[in-house]
Amino acid sequence: MPKLPECDRCQLYARNPHLICAVHPTGPKTDTCFDFREDPNLKPEELWEPDGASYYNGELILQPRQRWTPEQKLELLDTHPLFTGRCPQCEMTYPQYEMPPVHWDCEECGWMDDSV
């Protein structure tokens, strides 16, 4: 069995890619370790993330800037043809598509989709 998440905080942890610890060289055989001894000298890991970024699987990922406010997003959900199936200006019904178009311009009244 591989090492446990708490192995990194144990006094017996070898900090070696080929050896887990002195007592359990290949890792404990169960999902808990009765030999675990918390290392009092170990500094706690800092879980800091810069604004606009998050860690996913140990990799720092920058978040895209928000273009719209929450109110604008709700307005888009209430009026955009992708969600309503009709033109927000003249109420013309759009045909149902298996793959929705990128632009939802209305041929009836000339309304143009500028949300993309």
PDB file of N, CA and C in Angstrom:
ATOM      1  N   MET A   1       0.852  -1.174   0.000  1.00  0.00           N
ATOM      2  CA  MET A   1       0.000   0.000   0.000  1.00  0.00           C
ATOM      3  C   MET A   1       0.896   1.235   0.000  1.00  0.00           C
ATOM      4  N   PRO A   2       0.558   2.281  -0.753  1.00  0.00           N
ATOM      5  CA  PRO A   2       1.385   3.487  -0.775  1.00  0.00           C
ATOM      6  C   PRO A   2       1.290   4.245   0.549  1.00  0.00           C
ATOM      7  N   LYS A   3       2.056   5.302   0.650  1.00  0.00           N
ATOM      8  CA  LYS A   3       2.053   6.073   1.892  1.00  0.00           C
ATOM      9  C   LYS A   3       0.702   6.738   2.123  1.00  0.00           C
ATOM     10  N   LEU A   4       0.437   7.055   3.365  1.00  0.00           N
ATOM     11  CA  LEU A   4      -0.796   7.711   3.769  1.00  0.00           C
ATOM     12  C   LEU A   4      -0.589   9.232   3.756  1.00  0.00           C
ATOM     13  N   PRO A   5      -1.661  10.012   3.685  1.00  0.00           N
ATOM     14  CA  PRO A   5      -1.500  11.476   3.700  1.00  0.00           C
ATOM     15  C   PRO A   5      -0.780  11.976   4.955  1.00  0.00           C
ATOM     16  N   GLU A   6      -0.993  11.311   6.099  1.00  0.00           N
ATOM     17  CA  GLU A   6      -0.351  11.765   7.334  1.00  0.00           C
ATOM     18  C   GLU A   6       1.122  11.381   7.422  1.00  0.00           C
ATOM     19  N   CYS A   7       1.618  10.533   6.517  1.00  0.00           N
ATOM     20  CA  CYS A   7       3.031  10.138   6.541  1.00  0.00           C
ATOM     21  C   CYS A   7       3.955  11.352   6.463  1.00  0.00           C
ATOM     22  N   ASP A   8       3.570  12.373   5.713  1.00  0.00           N
ATOM     23  CA  ASP A   8       4.411  13.562   5.569  1.00  0.00           C
ATOM     24  C   ASP A   8       4.630  14.279   6.897  1.00  0.00           C
ATOM     25  N   ARG A   9       3.738  14.075   7.876  1.00  0.00           N
ATOM     26  CA  ARG A   9       3.838  14.747   9.173  1.00  0.00           C
ATOM     27  C   ARG A   9       4.417  13.845  10.265  1.00  0.00           C
ATOM     28  N   CYS A  10       4.847  12.648   9.920  1.00  0.00           N
ATOM     29  CA  CYS A  10       5.311  11.662  10.898  1.00  0.00           C
ATOM     30  C   CYS A  10       6.820  11.777  11.136  1.00  0.00           C
ATOM     31  N   GLN A  11       7.262  11.524  12.386  1.00  0.00           N
ATOM     32  CA  GLN A  11       8.678  11.533  12.719  1.00  0.00           C
ATOM     33  C   GLN A  11       9.440  10.406  12.017  1.00  0.00           C
ATOM     34  N   LEU A  12       8.756   9.320  11.703  1.00  0.00           N
ATOM     35  CA  LEU A  12       9.410   8.160  11.089  1.00  0.00           C
ATOM     36  C   LEU A  12       9.483   8.257   9.558  1.00  0.00           C
ATOM     37  N   TYR A  13       8.852   9.276   8.960  1.00  0.00           N
ATOM     38  CA  TYR A  13       8.819   9.420   7.498  1.00  0.00           C
ATOM     39  C   TYR A  13      10.237   9.614   6.970  1.00  0.00           C
ATOM     40  N   ALA A  14      10.640   8.857   5.948  1.00  0.00           N
ATOM     41  CA  ALA A  14      12.004   8.872   5.432  1.00  0.00           C
ATOM     42  C   ALA A  14      12.290  10.046   4.495  1.00  0.00           C
ATOM     43  N   ARG A  15      11.269  10.655   3.920  1.00  0.00           N
ATOM     44  CA  ARG A  15      11.442  11.725   2.929  1.00  0.00           C
ATOM     45  C   ARG A  15      12.363  11.261   1.796  1.00  0.00           C
ATOM     46  N   ASN A  16      12.040  10.065   1.319  1.00  0.00           N
ATOM     47  CA  ASN A  16      12.833   9.414   0.292  1.00  0.00           C
ATOM     48  C   ASN A  16      11.850   8.809  -0.711  1.00  0.00           C
ATOM     49  N   PRO A  17      12.059   8.988  -2.025  1.00  0.00           N
ATOM     50  CA  PRO A  17      11.108   8.439  -3.002  1.00  0.00           C
ATOM     51  C   PRO A  17      11.058   6.906  -3.040  1.00  0.00           C
ATOM     52  N   HIS A  18      12.086   6.224  -2.503  1.00  0.00           N
ATOM     53  CA  HIS A  18      12.150   4.765  -2.558  1.00  0.00           C
ATOM     54  C   HIS A  18      11.814   4.092  -1.230  1.00  0.00           C
ATOM     55  N   LEU A  19      11.731   4.872  -0.167  1.00  0.00           N
ATOM     56  CA  LEU A  19      11.503   4.327   1.165  1.00  0.00           C
ATOM     57  C   LEU A  19      10.511   5.227   1.888  1.00  0.00           C
ATOM     58  N   ILE A  20       9.427   4.642   2.408  1.00  0.00           N
ATOM     59  CA  ILE A  20       8.415   5.467   3.066  1.00  0.00           C
ATOM     60  C   ILE A  20       8.816   5.791   4.497  1.00  0.00           C
ATOM     61  N   CYS A  21       9.110   4.784   5.304  1.00  0.00           N
ATOM     62  CA  CYS A  21       9.563   5.051   6.668  1.00  0.00           C
ATOM     63  C   CYS A  21      10.389   3.882   7.191  1.00  0.00           C
ATOM     64  N   ALA A  22      10.988   4.086   8.371  1.00  0.00           N
ATOM     65  CA  ALA A  22      11.854   3.061   8.954  1.00  0.00           C
ATOM     66  C   ALA A  22      11.062   1.833   9.380  1.00  0.00           C
ATOM     67  N   VAL A  23       9.833   2.014   9.841  1.00  0.00           N
ATOM     68  CA  VAL A  23       9.022   0.894  10.327  1.00  0.00           C
ATOM     69  C   VAL A  23       8.305   0.195   9.174  1.00  0.00           C
ATOM     70  N   HIS A  24       7.800   0.982   8.231  1.00  0.00           N
ATOM     71  CA  HIS A  24       7.040   0.440   7.083  1.00  0.00           C
ATOM     72  C   HIS A  24       7.704   0.925   5.786  1.00  0.00           C
ATOM     73  N   PRO A  25       8.748   0.250   5.326  1.00  0.00           N
ATOM     74  CA  PRO A  25       9.491   0.723   4.149  1.00  0.00           C
ATOM     75  C   PRO A  25       8.630   0.900   2.900  1.00  0.00           C
ATOM     76  N   THR A  26       7.623   0.047   2.708  1.00  0.00           N
ATOM     77  CA  THR A  26       6.757   0.160   1.525  1.00  0.00           C
ATOM     78  C   THR A  26       5.420   0.789   1.858  1.00  0.00           C
ATOM     79  N   GLY A  27       5.275   1.288   3.058  1.00  0.00           N
ATOM     80  CA  GLY A  27       4.021   1.909   3.484  1.00  0.00           C
ATOM     81  C   GLY A  27       3.222   0.965   4.352  1.00  0.00           C
ATOM     82  N   PRO A  28       2.313   1.490   5.168  1.00  0.00           N
ATOM     83  CA  PRO A  28       1.516   0.631   6.037  1.00  0.00           C
ATOM     84  C   PRO A  28       0.579  -0.269   5.237  1.00  0.00           C
ATOM     85  N   LYS A  29       0.245  -1.417   5.806  1.00  0.00           N
ATOM     86  CA  LYS A  29      -0.614  -2.390   5.118  1.00  0.00           C
ATOM     87  C   LYS A  29      -2.103  -2.063   5.241  1.00  0.00           C
ATOM     88  N   THR A  30      -2.456  -1.150   6.150  1.00  0.00           N
ATOM     89  CA  THR A  30      -3.856  -0.759   6.352  1.00  0.00           C
ATOM     90  C   THR A  30      -4.014   0.719   6.020  1.00  0.00           C
ATOM     91  N   ASP A  31      -5.238   1.216   6.149  1.00  0.00           N
ATOM     92  CA  ASP A  31      -5.463   2.622   5.844  1.00  0.00           C
ATOM     93  C   ASP A  31      -5.214   3.530   7.053  1.00  0.00           C
ATOM     94  N   THR A  32      -4.720   2.985   8.149  1.00  0.00           N
ATOM     95  CA  THR A  32      -4.255   3.764   9.298  1.00  0.00           C
ATOM     96  C   THR A  32      -2.921   3.189   9.739  1.00  0.00           C
ATOM     97  N   CYS A  33      -2.124   4.013  10.405  1.00  0.00           N
ATOM     98  CA  CYS A  33      -0.810   3.555  10.867  1.00  0.00           C
ATOM     99  C   CYS A  33      -0.744   3.704  12.379  1.00  0.00           C
ATOM    100  N   PHE A  34      -0.558   2.574  13.071  1.00  0.00           N
ATOM    101  CA  PHE A  34      -0.494   2.589  14.531  1.00  0.00           C
ATOM    102  C   PHE A  34       0.856   3.108  15.029  1.00  0.00           C
ATOM    103  N   ASP A  35       1.839   3.222  14.144  1.00  0.00           N
ATOM    104  CA  ASP A  35       3.164   3.715  14.523  1.00  0.00           C
ATOM    105  C   ASP A  35       3.323   5.215  14.250  1.00  0.00           C
ATOM    106  N   PHE A  36       2.270   5.878  13.830  1.00  0.00           N
ATOM    107  CA  PHE A  36       2.335   7.308  13.499  1.00  0.00           C
ATOM    108  C   PHE A  36       2.714   8.123  14.734  1.00  0.00           C
ATOM    109  N   ARG A  37       3.715   8.983  14.560  1.00  0.00           N
ATOM    110  CA  ARG A  37       4.136   9.907  15.613  1.00  0.00           C
ATOM    111  C   ARG A  37       4.265  11.284  14.981  1.00  0.00           C
ATOM    112  N   GLU A  38       3.394  12.201  15.369  1.00  0.00           N
ATOM    113  CA  GLU A  38       3.422  13.558  14.796  1.00  0.00           C
ATOM    114  C   GLU A  38       4.763  14.216  15.106  1.00  0.00           C
ATOM    115  N   ASP A  39       5.363  14.810  14.078  1.00  0.00           N
ATOM    116  CA  ASP A  39       6.652  15.483  14.223  1.00  0.00           C
ATOM    117  C   ASP A  39       6.419  16.878  14.807  1.00  0.00           C
ATOM    118  N   PRO A  40       6.857  17.131  16.055  1.00  0.00           N
ATOM    119  CA  PRO A  40       6.602  18.434  16.666  1.00  0.00           C
ATOM    120  C   PRO A  40       7.439  19.559  16.059  1.00  0.00           C
ATOM    121  N   ASN A  41       8.517  19.234  15.373  1.00  0.00           N
ATOM    122  CA  ASN A  41       9.395  20.249  14.783  1.00  0.00           C
ATOM    123  C   ASN A  41       8.999  20.624  13.357  1.00  0.00           C
ATOM    124  N   LEU A  42       8.014  19.938  12.804  1.00  0.00           N
ATOM    125  CA  LEU A  42       7.612  20.184  11.428  1.00  0.00           C
ATOM    126  C   LEU A  42       6.758  21.439  11.348  1.00  0.00           C
ATOM    127  N   LYS A  43       7.130  22.337  10.460  1.00  0.00           N
ATOM    128  CA  LYS A  43       6.354  23.562  10.268  1.00  0.00           C
ATOM    129  C   LYS A  43       5.108  23.221   9.456  1.00  0.00           C
ATOM    130  N   PRO A  44       3.940  23.806   9.805  1.00  0.00           N
ATOM    131  CA  PRO A  44       2.732  23.513   9.026  1.00  0.00           C
ATOM    132  C   PRO A  44       2.860  24.053   7.605  1.00  0.00           C
ATOM    133  N   GLU A  45       2.296  23.305   6.662  1.00  0.00           N
ATOM    134  CA  GLU A  45       2.343  23.703   5.256  1.00  0.00           C
ATOM    135  C   GLU A  45       1.434  24.906   5.036  1.00  0.00           C
ATOM    136  N   GLU A  46       1.970  25.906   4.353  1.00  0.00           N
ATOM    137  CA  GLU A  46       1.196  27.110   4.101  1.00  0.00           C
ATOM    138  C   GLU A  46       0.292  26.885   2.890  1.00  0.00           C
ATOM    139  N   LEU A  47      -0.995  27.107   3.067  1.00  0.00           N
ATOM    140  CA  LEU A  47      -1.962  26.938   1.978  1.00  0.00           C
ATOM    141  C   LEU A  47      -2.346  28.316   1.442  1.00  0.00           C
ATOM    142  N   TRP A  48      -1.406  28.962   0.782  1.00  0.00           N
ATOM    143  CA  TRP A  48      -1.613  30.305   0.264  1.00  0.00           C
ATOM    144  C   TRP A  48      -1.897  30.248  -1.222  1.00  0.00           C
ATOM    145  N   GLU A  49      -2.887  31.036  -1.666  1.00  0.00           N
ATOM    146  CA  GLU A  49      -3.195  31.149  -3.086  1.00  0.00           C
ATOM    147  C   GLU A  49      -3.264  32.623  -3.446  1.00  0.00           C
ATOM    148  N   PRO A  50      -2.603  33.026  -4.520  1.00  0.00           N
ATOM    149  CA  PRO A  50      -2.720  34.423  -4.935  1.00  0.00           C
ATOM    150  C   PRO A  50      -4.127  34.711  -5.442  1.00  0.00           C
ATOM    151  N   ASP A  51      -4.545  35.981  -5.374  1.00  0.00           N
ATOM    152  CA  ASP A  51      -5.861  36.361  -5.888  1.00  0.00           C
ATOM    153  C   ASP A  51      -5.961  35.997  -7.364  1.00  0.00           C
ATOM    154  N   GLY A  52      -7.084  35.422  -7.746  1.00  0.00           N
ATOM    155  CA  GLY A  52      -7.306  35.057  -9.136  1.00  0.00           C
ATOM    156  C   GLY A  52      -6.673  33.750  -9.552  1.00  0.00           C
ATOM    157  N   ALA A  53      -6.258  32.930  -8.576  1.00  0.00           N
ATOM    158  CA  ALA A  53      -5.648  31.642  -8.903  1.00  0.00           C
ATOM    159  C   ALA A  53      -6.039  30.618  -7.845  1.00  0.00           C
ATOM    160  N   SER A  54      -6.006  29.346  -8.212  1.00  0.00           N
ATOM    161  CA  SER A  54      -6.316  28.249  -7.290  1.00  0.00           C
ATOM    162  C   SER A  54      -5.411  27.075  -7.608  1.00  0.00           C
ATOM    163  N   TYR A  55      -5.187  26.237  -6.616  1.00  0.00           N
ATOM    164  CA  TYR A  55      -4.410  25.017  -6.823  1.00  0.00           C
ATOM    165  C   TYR A  55      -5.341  23.853  -7.143  1.00  0.00           C
ATOM    166  N   TYR A  56      -5.046  23.120  -8.209  1.00  0.00           N
ATOM    167  CA  TYR A  56      -5.770  21.911  -8.584  1.00  0.00           C
ATOM    168  C   TYR A  56      -4.733  20.819  -8.805  1.00  0.00           C
ATOM    169  N   ASN A  57      -4.820  19.745  -8.020  1.00  0.00           N
ATOM    170  CA  ASN A  57      -3.851  18.648  -8.095  1.00  0.00           C
ATOM    171  C   ASN A  57      -2.416  19.150  -7.971  1.00  0.00           C
ATOM    172  N   GLY A  58      -2.207  20.123  -7.089  1.00  0.00           N
ATOM    173  CA  GLY A  58      -0.875  20.644  -6.842  1.00  0.00           C
ATOM    174  C   GLY A  58      -0.372  21.634  -7.875  1.00  0.00           C
ATOM    175  N   GLU A  59      -1.173  21.980  -8.871  1.00  0.00           N
ATOM    176  CA  GLU A  59      -0.746  22.914  -9.909  1.00  0.00           C
ATOM    177  C   GLU A  59      -1.527  24.212  -9.773  1.00  0.00           C
ATOM    178  N   LEU A  60      -0.830  25.355  -9.812  1.00  0.00           N
ATOM    179  CA  LEU A  60      -1.464  26.660  -9.696  1.00  0.00           C
ATOM    180  C   LEU A  60      -2.118  27.008 -11.024  1.00  0.00           C
ATOM    181  N   ILE A  61      -3.426  27.224 -11.001  1.00  0.00           N
ATOM    182  CA  ILE A  61      -4.192  27.546 -12.205  1.00  0.00           C
ATOM    183  C   ILE A  61      -4.740  28.960 -12.060  1.00  0.00           C
ATOM    184  N   LEU A  62      -4.444  29.821 -13.035  1.00  0.00           N
ATOM    185  CA  LEU A  62      -4.987  31.174 -13.028  1.00  0.00           C
ATOM    186  C   LEU A  62      -6.437  31.132 -13.471  1.00  0.00           C
ATOM    187  N   GLN A  63      -7.297  31.834 -12.731  1.00  0.00           N
ATOM    188  CA  GLN A  63      -8.712  31.887 -13.063  1.00  0.00           C
ATOM    189  C   GLN A  63      -8.941  33.003 -14.079  1.00  0.00           C
ATOM    190  N   PRO A  64      -9.810  32.783 -15.062  1.00  0.00           N
ATOM    191  CA  PRO A  64     -10.081  33.848 -16.024  1.00  0.00           C
ATOM    192  C   PRO A  64     -10.779  35.016 -15.334  1.00  0.00           C
ATOM    193  N   ARG A  65     -10.505  36.211 -15.808  1.00  0.00           N
ATOM    194  CA  ARG A  65     -11.161  37.394 -15.241  1.00  0.00           C
ATOM    195  C   ARG A  65     -12.656  37.334 -15.516  1.00  0.00           C
ATOM    196  N   GLN A  66     -13.419  37.775 -14.554  1.00  0.00           N
ATOM    197  CA  GLN A  66     -14.870  37.788 -14.709  1.00  0.00           C
ATOM    198  C   GLN A  66     -15.276  38.952 -15.604  1.00  0.00           C
ATOM    199  N   ARG A  67     -15.993  38.651 -16.671  1.00  0.00           N
ATOM    200  CA  ARG A  67     -16.439  39.698 -17.592  1.00  0.00           C
ATOM    201  C   ARG A  67     -17.744  40.315 -17.144  1.00  0.00           C
ATOM    202  N   TRP A  68     -18.583  39.526 -16.469  1.00  0.00           N
ATOM    203  CA  TRP A  68     -19.914  39.995 -16.129  1.00  0.00           C
ATOM    204  C   TRP A  68     -20.158  39.946 -14.628  1.00  0.00           C
ATOM    205  N   THR A  69     -21.001  40.848 -14.165  1.00  0.00           N
ATOM    206  CA  THR A  69     -21.434  40.829 -12.774  1.00  0.00           C
ATOM    207  C   THR A  69     -22.477  39.734 -12.617  1.00  0.00           C
ATOM    208  N   PRO A  70     -22.791  39.319 -11.389  1.00  0.00           N
ATOM    209  CA  PRO A  70     -23.843  38.315 -11.208  1.00  0.00           C
ATOM    210  C   PRO A  70     -25.186  38.756 -11.801  1.00  0.00           C
ATOM    211  N   GLU A  71     -25.505  40.043 -11.720  1.00  0.00           N
ATOM    212  CA  GLU A  71     -26.766  40.544 -12.298  1.00  0.00           C
ATOM    213  C   GLU A  71     -26.776  40.404 -13.814  1.00  0.00           C
ATOM    214  N   GLN A  72     -25.626  40.686 -14.439  1.00  0.00           N
ATOM    215  CA  GLN A  72     -25.531  40.552 -15.894  1.00  0.00           C
ATOM    216  C   GLN A  72     -25.651  39.092 -16.311  1.00  0.00           C
ATOM    217  N   LYS A  73     -25.100  38.192 -15.521  1.00  0.00           N
ATOM    218  CA  LYS A  73     -25.205  36.765 -15.824  1.00  0.00           C
ATOM    219  C   LYS A  73     -26.655  36.300 -15.739  1.00  0.00           C
ATOM    220  N   LEU A  74     -27.379  36.756 -14.727  1.00  0.00           N
ATOM    221  CA  LEU A  74     -28.794  36.388 -14.608  1.00  0.00           C
ATOM    222  C   LEU A  74     -29.601  36.945 -15.766  1.00  0.00           C
ATOM    223  N   GLU A  75     -29.314  38.177 -16.172  1.00  0.00           N
ATOM    224  CA  GLU A  75     -29.990  38.789 -17.318  1.00  0.00           C
ATOM    225  C   GLU A  75     -29.758  37.960 -18.578  1.00  0.00           C
ATOM    226  N   LEU A  76     -28.527  37.497 -18.759  1.00  0.00           N
ATOM    227  CA  LEU A  76     -28.191  36.668 -19.915  1.00  0.00           C
ATOM    228  C   LEU A  76     -28.993  35.367 -19.900  1.00  0.00           C
ATOM    229  N   LEU A  77     -29.104  34.745 -18.724  1.00  0.00           N
ATOM    230  CA  LEU A  77     -29.890  33.511 -18.610  1.00  0.00           C
ATOM    231  C   LEU A  77     -31.370  33.742 -18.911  1.00  0.00           C
ATOM    232  N   ASP A  78     -31.868  34.897 -18.523  1.00  0.00           N
ATOM    233  CA  ASP A  78     -33.292  35.201 -18.730  1.00  0.00           C
ATOM    234  C   ASP A  78     -33.630  35.598 -20.156  1.00  0.00           C
ATOM    235  N   THR A  79     -32.659  36.113 -20.923  1.00  0.00           N
ATOM    236  CA  THR A  79     -33.005  36.679 -22.233  1.00  0.00           C
ATOM    237  C   THR A  79     -32.314  36.038 -23.426  1.00  0.00           C
ATOM    238  N   HIS A  80     -31.178  35.395 -23.255  1.00  0.00           N
ATOM    239  CA  HIS A  80     -30.413  34.913 -24.412  1.00  0.00           C
ATOM    240  C   HIS A  80     -31.135  33.746 -25.100  1.00  0.00           C
ATOM    241  N   PRO A  81     -31.144  33.732 -26.438  1.00  0.00           N
ATOM    242  CA  PRO A  81     -31.808  32.662 -27.186  1.00  0.00           C
ATOM    243  C   PRO A  81     -31.284  31.257 -26.892  1.00  0.00           C
ATOM    244  N   LEU A  82     -30.026  31.133 -26.484  1.00  0.00           N
ATOM    245  CA  LEU A  82     -29.485  29.824 -26.140  1.00  0.00           C
ATOM    246  C   LEU A  82     -30.297  29.192 -25.015  1.00  0.00           C
ATOM    247  N   PHE A  83     -30.785  30.020 -24.086  1.00  0.00           N
ATOM    248  CA  PHE A  83     -31.525  29.517 -22.931  1.00  0.00           C
ATOM    249  C   PHE A  83     -33.040  29.618 -23.102  1.00  0.00           C
ATOM    250  N   THR A  84     -33.506  30.609 -23.883  1.00  0.00           N
ATOM    251  CA  THR A  84     -34.958  30.815 -24.021  1.00  0.00           C
ATOM    252  C   THR A  84     -35.533  30.229 -25.306  1.00  0.00           C
ATOM    253  N   GLY A  85     -34.694  30.110 -26.354  1.00  0.00           N
ATOM    254  CA  GLY A  85     -35.176  29.599 -27.637  1.00  0.00           C
ATOM    255  C   GLY A  85     -35.885  30.642 -28.479  1.00  0.00           C
ATOM    256  N   ARG A  86     -35.811  31.933 -28.065  1.00  0.00           N
ATOM    257  CA  ARG A  86     -36.475  32.981 -28.850  1.00  0.00           C
ATOM    258  C   ARG A  86     -35.650  34.267 -28.825  1.00  0.00           C
ATOM    259  N   CYS A  87     -35.879  35.119 -29.811  1.00  0.00           N
ATOM    260  CA  CYS A  87     -35.167  36.385 -29.929  1.00  0.00           C
ATOM    261  C   CYS A  87     -35.594  37.307 -28.779  1.00  0.00           C
ATOM    262  N   PRO A  88     -34.662  37.953 -28.101  1.00  0.00           N
ATOM    263  CA  PRO A  88     -35.031  38.826 -26.995  1.00  0.00           C
ATOM    264  C   PRO A  88     -35.737  40.103 -27.434  1.00  0.00           C
ATOM    265  N   GLN A  89     -35.651  40.451 -28.740  1.00  0.00           N
ATOM    266  CA  GLN A  89     -36.268  41.690 -29.218  1.00  0.00           C
ATOM    267  C   GLN A  89     -37.652  41.452 -29.830  1.00  0.00           C
ATOM    268  N   CYS A  90     -37.757  40.505 -30.747  1.00  0.00           N
ATOM    269  CA  CYS A  90     -39.032  40.310 -31.457  1.00  0.00           C
ATOM    270  C   CYS A  90     -39.743  39.015 -31.078  1.00  0.00           C
ATOM    271  N   GLU A  91     -39.160  38.219 -30.189  1.00  0.00           N
ATOM    272  CA  GLU A  91     -39.760  36.964 -29.709  1.00  0.00           C
ATOM    273  C   GLU A  91     -39.878  35.887 -30.781  1.00  0.00           C
ATOM    274  N   MET A  92     -39.149  36.037 -31.919  1.00  0.00           N
ATOM    275  CA  MET A  92     -39.163  35.000 -32.947  1.00  0.00           C
ATOM    276  C   MET A  92     -38.565  33.731 -32.356  1.00  0.00           C
ATOM    277  N   THR A  93     -39.184  32.587 -32.621  1.00  0.00           N
ATOM    278  CA  THR A  93     -38.696  31.314 -32.099  1.00  0.00           C
ATOM    279  C   THR A  93     -37.596  30.773 -33.000  1.00  0.00           C
ATOM    280  N   TYR A  94     -36.500  30.371 -32.377  1.00  0.00           N
ATOM    281  CA  TYR A  94     -35.390  29.761 -33.109  1.00  0.00           C
ATOM    282  C   TYR A  94     -35.642  28.269 -33.240  1.00  0.00           C
ATOM    283  N   PRO A  95     -35.195  27.661 -34.350  1.00  0.00           N
ATOM    284  CA  PRO A  95     -35.315  26.201 -34.458  1.00  0.00           C
ATOM    285  C   PRO A  95     -34.390  25.532 -33.435  1.00  0.00           C
ATOM    286  N   GLN A  96     -34.731  24.329 -33.024  1.00  0.00           N
ATOM    287  CA  GLN A  96     -33.880  23.610 -32.083  1.00  0.00           C
ATOM    288  C   GLN A  96     -32.731  22.985 -32.847  1.00  0.00           C
ATOM    289  N   TYR A  97     -31.528  23.162 -32.308  1.00  0.00           N
ATOM    290  CA  TYR A  97     -30.314  22.655 -32.938  1.00  0.00           C
ATOM    291  C   TYR A  97     -29.717  21.556 -32.073  1.00  0.00           C
ATOM    292  N   GLU A  98     -29.127  20.557 -32.727  1.00  0.00           N
ATOM    293  CA  GLU A  98     -28.401  19.551 -31.964  1.00  0.00           C
ATOM    294  C   GLU A  98     -27.120  20.178 -31.418  1.00  0.00           C
ATOM    295  N   MET A  99     -26.424  20.941 -32.264  1.00  0.00           N
ATOM    296  CA  MET A  99     -25.260  21.726 -31.850  1.00  0.00           C
ATOM    297  C   MET A  99     -25.651  23.194 -31.981  1.00  0.00           C
ATOM    298  N   PRO A 100     -25.769  23.929 -30.866  1.00  0.00           N
ATOM    299  CA  PRO A 100     -26.192  25.323 -30.966  1.00  0.00           C
ATOM    300  C   PRO A 100     -25.173  26.164 -31.727  1.00  0.00           C
ATOM    301  N   PRO A 101     -25.654  27.184 -32.448  1.00  0.00           N
ATOM    302  CA  PRO A 101     -24.737  28.041 -33.201  1.00  0.00           C
ATOM    303  C   PRO A 101     -23.897  28.906 -32.256  1.00  0.00           C
ATOM    304  N   VAL A 102     -22.799  29.437 -32.802  1.00  0.00           N
ATOM    305  CA  VAL A 102     -21.943  30.323 -32.015  1.00  0.00           C
ATOM    306  C   VAL A 102     -22.625  31.680 -31.864  1.00  0.00           C
ATOM    307  N   HIS A 103     -23.201  32.183 -32.928  1.00  0.00           N
ATOM    308  CA  HIS A 103     -23.899  33.473 -32.903  1.00  0.00           C
ATOM    309  C   HIS A 103     -25.391  33.250 -33.122  1.00  0.00           C
ATOM    310  N   TRP A 104     -26.202  33.963 -32.366  1.00  0.00           N
ATOM    311  CA  TRP A 104     -27.654  33.813 -32.430  1.00  0.00           C
ATOM    312  C   TRP A 104     -28.294  35.053 -33.047  1.00  0.00           C
ATOM    313  N   ASP A 105     -27.768  35.542 -34.160  1.00  0.00           N
ATOM    314  CA  ASP A 105     -28.321  36.740 -34.790  1.00  0.00           C
ATOM    315  C   ASP A 105     -29.715  36.446 -35.340  1.00  0.00           C
ATOM    316  N   CYS A 106     -30.633  37.419 -35.179  1.00  0.00           N
ATOM    317  CA  CYS A 106     -32.023  37.238 -35.613  1.00  0.00           C
ATOM    318  C   CYS A 106     -32.214  37.764 -37.023  1.00  0.00           C
ATOM    319  N   GLU A 107     -32.683  36.919 -37.930  1.00  0.00           N
ATOM    320  CA  GLU A 107     -32.933  37.316 -39.317  1.00  0.00           C
ATOM    321  C   GLU A 107     -34.213  38.138 -39.424  1.00  0.00           C
ATOM    322  N   GLU A 108     -35.110  38.003 -38.469  1.00  0.00           N
ATOM    323  CA  GLU A 108     -36.408  38.693 -38.497  1.00  0.00           C
ATOM    324  C   GLU A 108     -36.278  40.189 -38.172  1.00  0.00           C
ATOM    325  N   CYS A 109     -35.626  40.522 -37.058  1.00  0.00           N
ATOM    326  CA  CYS A 109     -35.572  41.928 -36.622  1.00  0.00           C
ATOM    327  C   CYS A 109     -34.178  42.535 -36.694  1.00  0.00           C
ATOM    328  N   GLY A 110     -33.154  41.706 -36.914  1.00  0.00           N
ATOM    329  CA  GLY A 110     -31.791  42.230 -37.013  1.00  0.00           C
ATOM    330  C   GLY A 110     -31.029  42.253 -35.702  1.00  0.00           C
ATOM    331  N   TRP A 111     -31.638  41.722 -34.636  1.00  0.00           N
ATOM    332  CA  TRP A 111     -30.921  41.664 -33.344  1.00  0.00           C
ATOM    333  C   TRP A 111     -29.646  40.856 -33.519  1.00  0.00           C
ATOM    334  N   MET A 112     -28.535  41.349 -32.917  1.00  0.00           N
ATOM    335  CA  MET A 112     -27.256  40.654 -33.054  1.00  0.00           C
ATOM    336  C   MET A 112     -26.752  40.220 -31.692  1.00  0.00           C
ATOM    337  N   ASP A 113     -26.273  38.998 -31.639  1.00  0.00           N
ATOM    338  CA  ASP A 113     -25.732  38.420 -30.416  1.00  0.00           C
ATOM    339  C   ASP A 113     -24.313  38.949 -30.204  1.00  0.00           C
ATOM    340  N   ASP A 114     -24.118  39.769 -29.165  1.00  0.00           N
ATOM    341  CA  ASP A 114     -22.789  40.280 -28.874  1.00  0.00           C
ATOM    342  C   ASP A 114     -22.264  39.786 -27.528  1.00  0.00           C
ATOM    343  N   SER A 115     -22.832  38.671 -27.032  1.00  0.00           N
ATOM    344  CA  SER A 115     -22.436  38.156 -25.728  1.00  0.00           C
ATOM    345  C   SER A 115     -21.184  37.317 -25.752  1.00  0.00           C
ATOM    346  N   VAL A 116     -20.693  36.950 -26.928  1.00  0.00           N
ATOM    347  CA  VAL A 116     -19.522  36.076 -27.012  1.00  0.00           C
ATOM    348  C   VAL A 116     -18.259  36.898 -27.021  1.00  0.00           C
TER     349      VAL A 116
END
